[in-house]
PDB file of N, CA and C in Angstrom:
ATOM      1  N   MET A   1      -2.237  70.978  -7.407  1.00  0.00           N
ATOM      2  CA  MET A   1      -1.446  70.690  -6.100  1.00  0.00           C
ATOM      3  C   MET A   1      -0.867  69.313  -6.337  1.00  0.00           C
ATOM      4  N   ASN A   2       0.545  69.328  -6.385  1.00  0.00           N
ATOM      5  CA  ASN A   2       1.217  68.137  -6.671  1.00  0.00           C
ATOM      6  C   ASN A   2       1.369  67.303  -5.240  1.00  0.00           C
ATOM      7  N   TYR A   3       2.130  66.149  -5.327  1.00  0.00           N
ATOM      8  CA  TYR A   3       2.193  65.313  -4.144  1.00  0.00           C
ATOM      9  C   TYR A   3       2.946  66.088  -3.008  1.00  0.00           C
ATOM     10  N   GLN A   4       4.109  66.528  -3.284  1.00  0.00           N
ATOM     11  CA  GLN A   4       4.808  67.296  -2.208  1.00  0.00           C
ATOM     12  C   GLN A   4       4.040  68.482  -1.514  1.00  0.00           C
ATOM     13  N   GLU A   5       3.272  69.175  -2.347  1.00  0.00           N
ATOM     14  CA  GLU A   5       2.515  70.391  -1.868  1.00  0.00           C
ATOM     15  C   GLU A   5       1.247  69.738  -0.954  1.00  0.00           C
ATOM     16  N   THR A   6       0.766  68.675  -1.323  1.00  0.00           N
ATOM     17  CA  THR A   6      -0.316  67.941  -0.701  1.00  0.00           C
ATOM     18  C   THR A   6       0.122  67.507   0.704  1.00  0.00           C
ATOM     19  N   VAL A   7       1.331  66.787   0.773  1.00  0.00           N
ATOM     20  CA  VAL A   7       1.966  66.354   1.987  1.00  0.00           C
ATOM     21  C   VAL A   7       2.242  67.576   2.817  1.00  0.00           C
ATOM     22  N   HIS A   8       2.665  68.577   2.394  1.00  0.00           N
ATOM     23  CA  HIS A   8       3.064  69.889   3.160  1.00  0.00           C
ATOM     24  C   HIS A   8       1.802  70.407   3.621  1.00  0.00           C
ATOM     25  N   TRP A   9       0.795  70.477   2.884  1.00  0.00           N
ATOM     26  CA  TRP A   9      -0.598  70.979   3.326  1.00  0.00           C
ATOM     27  C   TRP A   9      -1.124  70.147   4.476  1.00  0.00           C
ATOM     28  N   MET A  10      -1.038  68.742   4.345  1.00  0.00           N
ATOM     29  CA  MET A  10      -1.600  67.881   5.410  1.00  0.00           C
ATOM     30  C   MET A  10      -0.777  68.072   6.765  1.00  0.00           C
ATOM     31  N   PHE A  11       0.512  68.238   6.661  1.00  0.00           N
ATOM     32  CA  PHE A  11       1.397  68.388   7.862  1.00  0.00           C
ATOM     33  C   PHE A  11       1.068  69.758   8.522  1.00  0.00           C
ATOM     34  N   ARG A  12       0.705  70.767   7.675  1.00  0.00           N
ATOM     35  CA  ARG A  12       0.319  72.118   8.257  1.00  0.00           C
ATOM     36  C   ARG A  12      -0.937  72.090   8.957  1.00  0.00           C
ATOM     37  N   GLN A  13      -1.827  71.091   8.637  1.00  0.00           N
ATOM     38  CA  GLN A  13      -2.975  70.863   9.524  1.00  0.00           C
ATOM     39  C   GLN A  13      -3.053  70.216  10.807  1.00  0.00           C
ATOM     40  N   LEU A  14      -2.016  69.439  10.952  1.00  0.00           N
ATOM     41  CA  LEU A  14      -1.826  68.672  12.254  1.00  0.00           C
ATOM     42  C   LEU A  14      -1.780  69.760  13.466  1.00  0.00           C
ATOM     43  N   PRO A  15      -0.872  70.611  13.482  1.00  0.00           N
ATOM     44  CA  PRO A  15      -0.694  71.594  14.727  1.00  0.00           C
ATOM     45  C   PRO A  15      -1.988  72.276  15.103  1.00  0.00           C
ATOM     46  N   MET A  16      -2.918  72.505  14.185  1.00  0.00           N
ATOM     47  CA  MET A  16      -4.181  73.147  14.658  1.00  0.00           C
ATOM     48  C   MET A  16      -4.837  72.267  15.548  1.00  0.00           C
ATOM     49  N   TYR A  17      -5.001  70.877  15.248  1.00  0.00           N
ATOM     50  CA  TYR A  17      -5.651  70.107  16.195  1.00  0.00           C
ATOM     51  C   TYR A  17      -4.866  69.811  17.532  1.00  0.00           C
ATOM     52  N   GLN A  18      -3.641  69.819  17.357  1.00  0.00           N
ATOM     53  CA  GLN A  18      -2.784  69.621  18.550  1.00  0.00           C
ATOM     54  C   GLN A  18      -2.858  70.762  19.546  1.00  0.00           C
ATOM     55  N   ASN A  19      -3.128  72.060  18.943  1.00  0.00           N
ATOM     56  CA  ASN A  19      -3.212  73.284  19.711  1.00  0.00           C
ATOM     57  C   ASN A  19      -4.542  73.509  20.214  1.00  0.00           C
ATOM     58  N   GLN A  20      -5.567  73.246  19.438  1.00  0.00           N
ATOM     59  CA  GLN A  20      -6.932  73.561  19.648  1.00  0.00           C
ATOM     60  C   GLN A  20      -7.765  72.369  20.320  1.00  0.00           C
ATOM     61  N   GLY A  21      -7.294  71.229  20.160  1.00  0.00           N
ATOM     62  CA  GLY A  21      -7.996  70.081  20.754  1.00  0.00           C
ATOM     63  C   GLY A  21      -9.278  69.769  20.021  1.00  0.00           C
ATOM     64  N   LYS A  22     -10.387  69.475  20.838  1.00  0.00           N
ATOM     65  CA  LYS A  22     -11.679  69.212  20.156  1.00  0.00           C
ATOM     66  C   LYS A  22     -12.298  70.352  19.471  1.00  0.00           C
ATOM     67  N   THR A  23     -11.942  71.637  19.826  1.00  0.00           N
ATOM     68  CA  THR A  23     -12.572  72.681  19.118  1.00  0.00           C
ATOM     69  C   THR A  23     -12.113  72.815  17.607  1.00  0.00           C
ATOM     70  N   ALA A  24     -11.072  72.071  17.337  1.00  0.00           N
ATOM     71  CA  ALA A  24     -10.744  71.993  15.880  1.00  0.00           C
ATOM     72  C   ALA A  24     -11.549  71.074  14.997  1.00  0.00           C
ATOM     73  N   TYR A  25     -12.320  70.191  15.771  1.00  0.00           N
ATOM     74  CA  TYR A  25     -13.113  69.188  15.017  1.00  0.00           C
ATOM     75  C   TYR A  25     -14.357  69.817  14.508  1.00  0.00           C
ATOM     76  N   LYS A  26     -14.604  69.562  13.195  1.00  0.00           N
ATOM     77  CA  LYS A  26     -15.781  70.143  12.549  1.00  0.00           C
ATOM     78  C   LYS A  26     -16.697  68.805  12.346  1.00  0.00           C
ATOM     79  N   VAL A  27     -18.013  69.148  12.448  1.00  0.00           N
ATOM     80  CA  VAL A  27     -19.022  68.032  12.244  1.00  0.00           C
ATOM     81  C   VAL A  27     -19.499  67.914  10.872  1.00  0.00           C
ATOM     82  N   ASP A  28     -18.967  68.594   9.970  1.00  0.00           N
ATOM     83  CA  ASP A  28     -19.395  68.604   8.527  1.00  0.00           C
ATOM     84  C   ASP A  28     -18.152  68.207   7.685  1.00  0.00           C
ATOM     85  N   LEU A  29     -18.306  68.316   6.361  1.00  0.00           N
ATOM     86  CA  LEU A  29     -17.400  67.791   5.428  1.00  0.00           C
ATOM     87  C   LEU A  29     -16.612  68.994   4.767  1.00  0.00           C
ATOM     88  N   SER A  30     -16.703  70.301   5.342  1.00  0.00           N
ATOM     89  CA  SER A  30     -16.144  71.366   4.653  1.00  0.00           C
ATOM     90  C   SER A  30     -14.722  71.129   4.427  1.00  0.00           C
ATOM     91  N   ASN A  31     -14.001  70.700   5.300  1.00  0.00           N
ATOM     92  CA  ASN A  31     -12.514  70.594   5.142  1.00  0.00           C
ATOM     93  C   ASN A  31     -12.173  69.383   4.067  1.00  0.00           C
ATOM     94  N   THR A  32     -12.970  68.288   4.043  1.00  0.00           N
ATOM     95  CA  THR A  32     -12.785  67.276   3.206  1.00  0.00           C
ATOM     96  C   THR A  32     -13.081  67.735   1.753  1.00  0.00           C
ATOM     97  N   LEU A  33     -14.084  68.515   1.578  1.00  0.00           N
ATOM     98  CA  LEU A  33     -14.565  69.087   0.335  1.00  0.00           C
ATOM     99  C   LEU A  33     -13.530  70.127  -0.166  1.00  0.00           C
ATOM    100  N   LEU A  34     -12.951  70.803   0.735  1.00  0.00           N
ATOM    101  CA  LEU A  34     -11.793  71.837   0.279  1.00  0.00           C
ATOM    102  C   LEU A  34     -10.746  70.935  -0.246  1.00  0.00           C
ATOM    103  N   LEU A  35     -10.281  70.034   0.623  1.00  0.00           N
ATOM    104  CA  LEU A  35      -9.169  69.171   0.122  1.00  0.00           C
ATOM    105  C   LEU A  35      -9.433  68.623  -1.411  1.00  0.00           C
ATOM    106  N   ALA A  36     -10.682  68.022  -1.505  1.00  0.00           N
ATOM    107  CA  ALA A  36     -11.025  67.328  -2.712  1.00  0.00           C
ATOM    108  C   ALA A  36     -10.844  68.375  -3.851  1.00  0.00           C
ATOM    109  N   LYS A  37     -11.386  69.687  -3.569  1.00  0.00           N
ATOM    110  CA  LYS A  37     -11.311  70.656  -4.506  1.00  0.00           C
ATOM    111  C   LYS A  37      -9.851  71.107  -4.903  1.00  0.00           C
ATOM    112  N   GLN A  38      -8.942  71.173  -3.902  1.00  0.00           N
ATOM    113  CA  GLN A  38      -7.668  71.501  -4.076  1.00  0.00           C
ATOM    114  C   GLN A  38      -6.958  70.374  -4.929  1.00  0.00           C
ATOM    115  N   LEU A  39      -7.450  69.060  -4.832  1.00  0.00           N
ATOM    116  CA  LEU A  39      -6.795  68.105  -5.658  1.00  0.00           C
ATOM    117  C   LEU A  39      -7.616  67.794  -6.909  1.00  0.00           C
ATOM    118  N   ASN A  40      -8.392  68.737  -7.324  1.00  0.00           N
ATOM    119  CA  ASN A  40      -9.046  68.529  -8.558  1.00  0.00           C
ATOM    120  C   ASN A  40     -10.079  67.458  -8.520  1.00  0.00           C
ATOM    121  N   HIS A  41     -10.655  67.105  -7.437  1.00  0.00           N
ATOM    122  CA  HIS A  41     -11.718  66.132  -7.207  1.00  0.00           C
ATOM    123  C   HIS A  41     -11.355  64.630  -7.791  1.00  0.00           C
ATOM    124  N   PRO A  42     -10.412  64.181  -7.164  1.00  0.00           N
ATOM    125  CA  PRO A  42      -9.914  62.830  -7.744  1.00  0.00           C
ATOM    126  C   PRO A  42     -10.998  61.697  -7.425  1.00  0.00           C
ATOM    127  N   GLU A  43     -11.930  61.999  -6.582  1.00  0.00           N
ATOM    128  CA  GLU A  43     -12.946  60.899  -6.329  1.00  0.00           C
ATOM    129  C   GLU A  43     -13.821  60.895  -7.474  1.00  0.00           C
ATOM    130  N   HIS A  44     -13.874  61.785  -8.379  1.00  0.00           N
ATOM    131  CA  HIS A  44     -14.648  61.755  -9.626  1.00  0.00           C
ATOM    132  C   HIS A  44     -14.138  60.881 -10.717  1.00  0.00           C
ATOM    133  N   SER A  45     -12.971  60.431 -10.525  1.00  0.00           N
ATOM    134  CA  SER A  45     -12.257  59.688 -11.653  1.00  0.00           C
ATOM    135  C   SER A  45     -12.317  58.142 -11.449  1.00  0.00           C
ATOM    136  N   PHE A  46     -12.861  57.767 -10.357  1.00  0.00           N
ATOM    137  CA  PHE A  46     -12.997  56.259 -10.314  1.00  0.00           C
ATOM    138  C   PHE A  46     -14.129  55.895  -9.433  1.00  0.00           C
ATOM    139  N   LYS A  47     -14.739  54.724  -9.541  1.00  0.00           N
ATOM    140  CA  LYS A  47     -15.952  54.252  -8.796  1.00  0.00           C
ATOM    141  C   LYS A  47     -15.329  53.807  -7.358  1.00  0.00           C
ATOM    142  N   SER A  48     -16.060  54.139  -6.311  1.00  0.00           N
ATOM    143  CA  SER A  48     -15.543  53.630  -5.070  1.00  0.00           C
ATOM    144  C   SER A  48     -16.729  53.402  -4.109  1.00  0.00           C
ATOM    145  N   ILE A  49     -16.463  52.597  -3.071  1.00  0.00           N
ATOM    146  CA  ILE A  49     -17.423  52.254  -1.910  1.00  0.00           C
ATOM    147  C   ILE A  49     -16.611  52.651  -0.735  1.00  0.00           C
ATOM    148  N   HIS A  50     -17.253  53.528   0.100  1.00  0.00           N
ATOM    149  CA  HIS A  50     -16.672  54.023   1.326  1.00  0.00           C
ATOM    150  C   HIS A  50     -17.496  53.309   2.424  1.00  0.00           C
ATOM    151  N   VAL A  51     -16.758  52.561   3.229  1.00  0.00           N
ATOM    152  CA  VAL A  51     -17.416  51.852   4.373  1.00  0.00           C
ATOM    153  C   VAL A  51     -17.117  52.586   5.725  1.00  0.00           C
ATOM    154  N   ALA A  52     -18.007  53.002   6.472  1.00  0.00           N
ATOM    155  CA  ALA A  52     -17.798  53.674   7.690  1.00  0.00           C
ATOM    156  C   ALA A  52     -18.635  53.163   8.792  1.00  0.00           C
ATOM    157  N   GLY A  53     -18.400  53.427  10.040  1.00  0.00           N
ATOM    158  CA  GLY A  53     -19.103  52.944  11.139  1.00  0.00           C
ATOM    159  C   GLY A  53     -18.266  52.639  12.193  1.00  0.00           C
ATOM    160  N   THR A  54     -18.942  52.110  13.297  1.00  0.00           N
ATOM    161  CA  THR A  54     -18.239  51.614  14.470  1.00  0.00           C
ATOM    162  C   THR A  54     -17.597  50.343  14.469  1.00  0.00           C
ATOM    163  N   ASN A  55     -18.396  49.389  13.938  1.00  0.00           N
ATOM    164  CA  ASN A  55     -17.948  47.976  13.975  1.00  0.00           C
ATOM    165  C   ASN A  55     -18.356  47.290  12.643  1.00  0.00           C
ATOM    166  N   GLY A  56     -17.376  46.267  12.330  1.00  0.00           N
ATOM    167  CA  GLY A  56     -17.671  45.514  11.055  1.00  0.00           C
ATOM    168  C   GLY A  56     -17.186  46.070   9.707  1.00  0.00           C
ATOM    169  N   LYS A  57     -16.364  47.106   9.733  1.00  0.00           N
ATOM    170  CA  LYS A  57     -15.890  47.682   8.523  1.00  0.00           C
ATOM    171  C   LYS A  57     -14.978  46.647   7.743  1.00  0.00           C
ATOM    172  N   GLY A  58     -13.965  46.191   8.618  1.00  0.00           N
ATOM    173  CA  GLY A  58     -13.159  45.244   7.873  1.00  0.00           C
ATOM    174  C   GLY A  58     -13.864  44.020   7.234  1.00  0.00           C
ATOM    175  N   SER A  59     -14.712  43.439   7.988  1.00  0.00           N
ATOM    176  CA  SER A  59     -15.407  42.245   7.532  1.00  0.00           C
ATOM    177  C   SER A  59     -16.264  42.715   6.230  1.00  0.00           C
ATOM    178  N   THR A  60     -16.980  43.862   6.416  1.00  0.00           N
ATOM    179  CA  THR A  60     -17.895  44.204   5.289  1.00  0.00           C
ATOM    180  C   THR A  60     -17.016  44.619   4.025  1.00  0.00           C
ATOM    181  N   SER A  61     -15.929  45.219   4.213  1.00  0.00           N
ATOM    182  CA  SER A  61     -15.027  45.673   3.135  1.00  0.00           C
ATOM    183  C   SER A  61     -14.442  44.395   2.403  1.00  0.00           C
ATOM    184  N   HIS A  62     -14.062  43.505   3.170  1.00  0.00           N
ATOM    185  CA  HIS A  62     -13.539  42.138   2.565  1.00  0.00           C
ATOM    186  C   HIS A  62     -14.541  41.460   1.768  1.00  0.00           C
ATOM    187  N   MET A  63     -15.735  41.287   2.438  1.00  0.00           N
ATOM    188  CA  MET A  63     -16.844  40.669   1.814  1.00  0.00           C
ATOM    189  C   MET A  63     -17.237  41.385   0.409  1.00  0.00           C
ATOM    190  N   LEU A  64     -17.350  42.694   0.362  1.00  0.00           N
ATOM    191  CA  LEU A  64     -17.625  43.498  -0.737  1.00  0.00           C
ATOM    192  C   LEU A  64     -16.606  43.218  -1.837  1.00  0.00           C
ATOM    193  N   ALA A  65     -15.374  43.293  -1.467  1.00  0.00           N
ATOM    194  CA  ALA A  65     -14.247  43.225  -2.430  1.00  0.00           C
ATOM    195  C   ALA A  65     -14.446  41.574  -2.984  1.00  0.00           C
ATOM    196  N   SER A  66     -14.655  40.724  -2.222  1.00  0.00           N
ATOM    197  CA  SER A  66     -14.744  39.284  -2.669  1.00  0.00           C
ATOM    198  C   SER A  66     -15.947  39.151  -3.668  1.00  0.00           C
ATOM    199  N   VAL A  67     -17.059  39.694  -3.287  1.00  0.00           N
ATOM    200  CA  VAL A  67     -18.214  39.697  -4.154  1.00  0.00           C
ATOM    201  C   VAL A  67     -17.994  40.276  -5.417  1.00  0.00           C
ATOM    202  N   LEU A  68     -17.513  41.487  -5.516  1.00  0.00           N
ATOM    203  CA  LEU A  68     -17.122  42.268  -6.666  1.00  0.00           C
ATOM    204  C   LEU A  68     -16.233  41.533  -7.480  1.00  0.00           C
ATOM    205  N   GLN A  69     -15.068  41.013  -6.980  1.00  0.00           N
ATOM    206  CA  GLN A  69     -14.151  40.167  -7.683  1.00  0.00           C
ATOM    207  C   GLN A  69     -14.757  38.911  -8.403  1.00  0.00           C
ATOM    208  N   GLU A  70     -15.540  38.287  -7.787  1.00  0.00           N
ATOM    209  CA  GLU A  70     -16.238  37.209  -8.305  1.00  0.00           C
ATOM    210  C   GLU A  70     -17.186  37.570  -9.429  1.00  0.00           C
ATOM    211  N   ALA A  71     -17.713  38.766  -9.327  1.00  0.00           N
ATOM    212  CA  ALA A  71     -18.672  39.290 -10.465  1.00  0.00           C
ATOM    213  C   ALA A  71     -17.681  39.819 -11.538  1.00  0.00           C
ATOM    214  N   GLY A  72     -16.368  39.777 -11.416  1.00  0.00           N
ATOM    215  CA  GLY A  72     -15.570  40.107 -12.605  1.00  0.00           C
ATOM    216  C   GLY A  72     -15.107  41.597 -12.581  1.00  0.00           C
ATOM    217  N   TYR A  73     -15.323  42.346 -11.438  1.00  0.00           N
ATOM    218  CA  TYR A  73     -14.782  43.753 -11.230  1.00  0.00           C
ATOM    219  C   TYR A  73     -13.477  43.805 -10.869  1.00  0.00           C
ATOM    220  N   LYS A  74     -12.654  44.831 -11.360  1.00  0.00           N
ATOM    221  CA  LYS A  74     -11.393  45.056 -10.945  1.00  0.00           C
ATOM    222  C   LYS A  74     -11.512  45.743  -9.575  1.00  0.00           C
ATOM    223  N   VAL A  75     -10.838  45.043  -8.461  1.00  0.00           N
ATOM    224  CA  VAL A  75     -11.100  45.623  -7.112  1.00  0.00           C
ATOM    225  C   VAL A  75      -9.803  45.934  -6.474  1.00  0.00           C
ATOM    226  N   GLY A  76      -9.797  47.094  -5.858  1.00  0.00           N
ATOM    227  CA  GLY A  76      -8.692  47.374  -4.901  1.00  0.00           C
ATOM    228  C   GLY A  76      -9.324  47.748  -3.544  1.00  0.00           C
ATOM    229  N   LEU A  77      -8.655  47.093  -2.558  1.00  0.00           N
ATOM    230  CA  LEU A  77      -9.137  47.359  -1.195  1.00  0.00           C
ATOM    231  C   LEU A  77      -8.173  48.043  -0.388  1.00  0.00           C
ATOM    232  N   TYR A  78      -8.567  49.275   0.302  1.00  0.00           N
ATOM    233  CA  TYR A  78      -7.644  50.048   1.076  1.00  0.00           C
ATOM    234  C   TYR A  78      -8.340  50.071   2.424  1.00  0.00           C
ATOM    235  N   THR A  79      -7.592  49.809   3.463  1.00  0.00           N
ATOM    236  CA  THR A  79      -8.162  49.864   4.812  1.00  0.00           C
ATOM    237  C   THR A  79      -7.187  50.750   5.730  1.00  0.00           C
ATOM    238  N   SER A  80      -7.787  51.374   6.637  1.00  0.00           N
ATOM    239  CA  SER A  80      -6.870  52.283   7.698  1.00  0.00           C
ATOM    240  C   SER A  80      -7.442  52.032   8.952  1.00  0.00           C
ATOM    241  N   PRO A  81      -6.867  52.270   9.933  1.00  0.00           N
ATOM    242  CA  PRO A  81      -5.882  53.434  10.027  1.00  0.00           C
ATOM    243  C   PRO A  81      -4.577  53.018   9.588  1.00  0.00           C
ATOM    244  N   HIS A  82      -3.746  54.031   9.246  1.00  0.00           N
ATOM    245  CA  HIS A  82      -2.323  53.725   8.900  1.00  0.00           C
ATOM    246  C   HIS A  82      -1.546  53.070  10.012  1.00  0.00           C
ATOM    247  N   LEU A  83      -0.452  52.399   9.604  1.00  0.00           N
ATOM    248  CA  LEU A  83       0.386  51.667  10.487  1.00  0.00           C
ATOM    249  C   LEU A  83       1.424  52.672  11.226  1.00  0.00           C
ATOM    250  N   LYS A  84       2.044  53.422  10.450  1.00  0.00           N
ATOM    251  CA  LYS A  84       3.135  54.332  10.875  1.00  0.00           C
ATOM    252  C   LYS A  84       2.825  55.807  10.515  1.00  0.00           C
ATOM    253  N   ASP A  85       2.433  55.950   9.447  1.00  0.00           N
ATOM    254  CA  ASP A  85       2.386  57.421   8.770  1.00  0.00           C
ATOM    255  C   ASP A  85       1.046  57.591   7.860  1.00  0.00           C
ATOM    256  N   PHE A  86       0.450  58.614   7.976  1.00  0.00           N
ATOM    257  CA  PHE A  86      -0.843  58.854   7.215  1.00  0.00           C
ATOM    258  C   PHE A  86      -0.675  58.861   5.695  1.00  0.00           C
ATOM    259  N   ARG A  87       0.642  58.890   5.225  1.00  0.00           N
ATOM    260  CA  ARG A  87       1.040  58.904   3.887  1.00  0.00           C
ATOM    261  C   ARG A  87       1.070  57.500   3.259  1.00  0.00           C
ATOM    262  N   GLU A  88       0.895  56.566   4.195  1.00  0.00           N
ATOM    263  CA  GLU A  88       1.032  55.128   3.629  1.00  0.00           C
ATOM    264  C   GLU A  88       0.049  54.835   2.488  1.00  0.00           C
TER     265      GLU A  88
END
């Protein structure tokens, strides 16, 4: 799946939630795993840390990035939610 196909697939998923509301929400990772499979599991090609939870994600992420940089690791920090568009 190339970039354009991926964006098209993502936009096709939006109406389902808008039409079904909370019933479209799944408590498992089946959709995420399906997307990863469609993209040939890009998560296996690099090391990453995923920070999740209610509070403190930004602070924790920035602290981790700082500690890892000081330890000599090459670090990239991505935070969300997006500002305008989920493709950012």
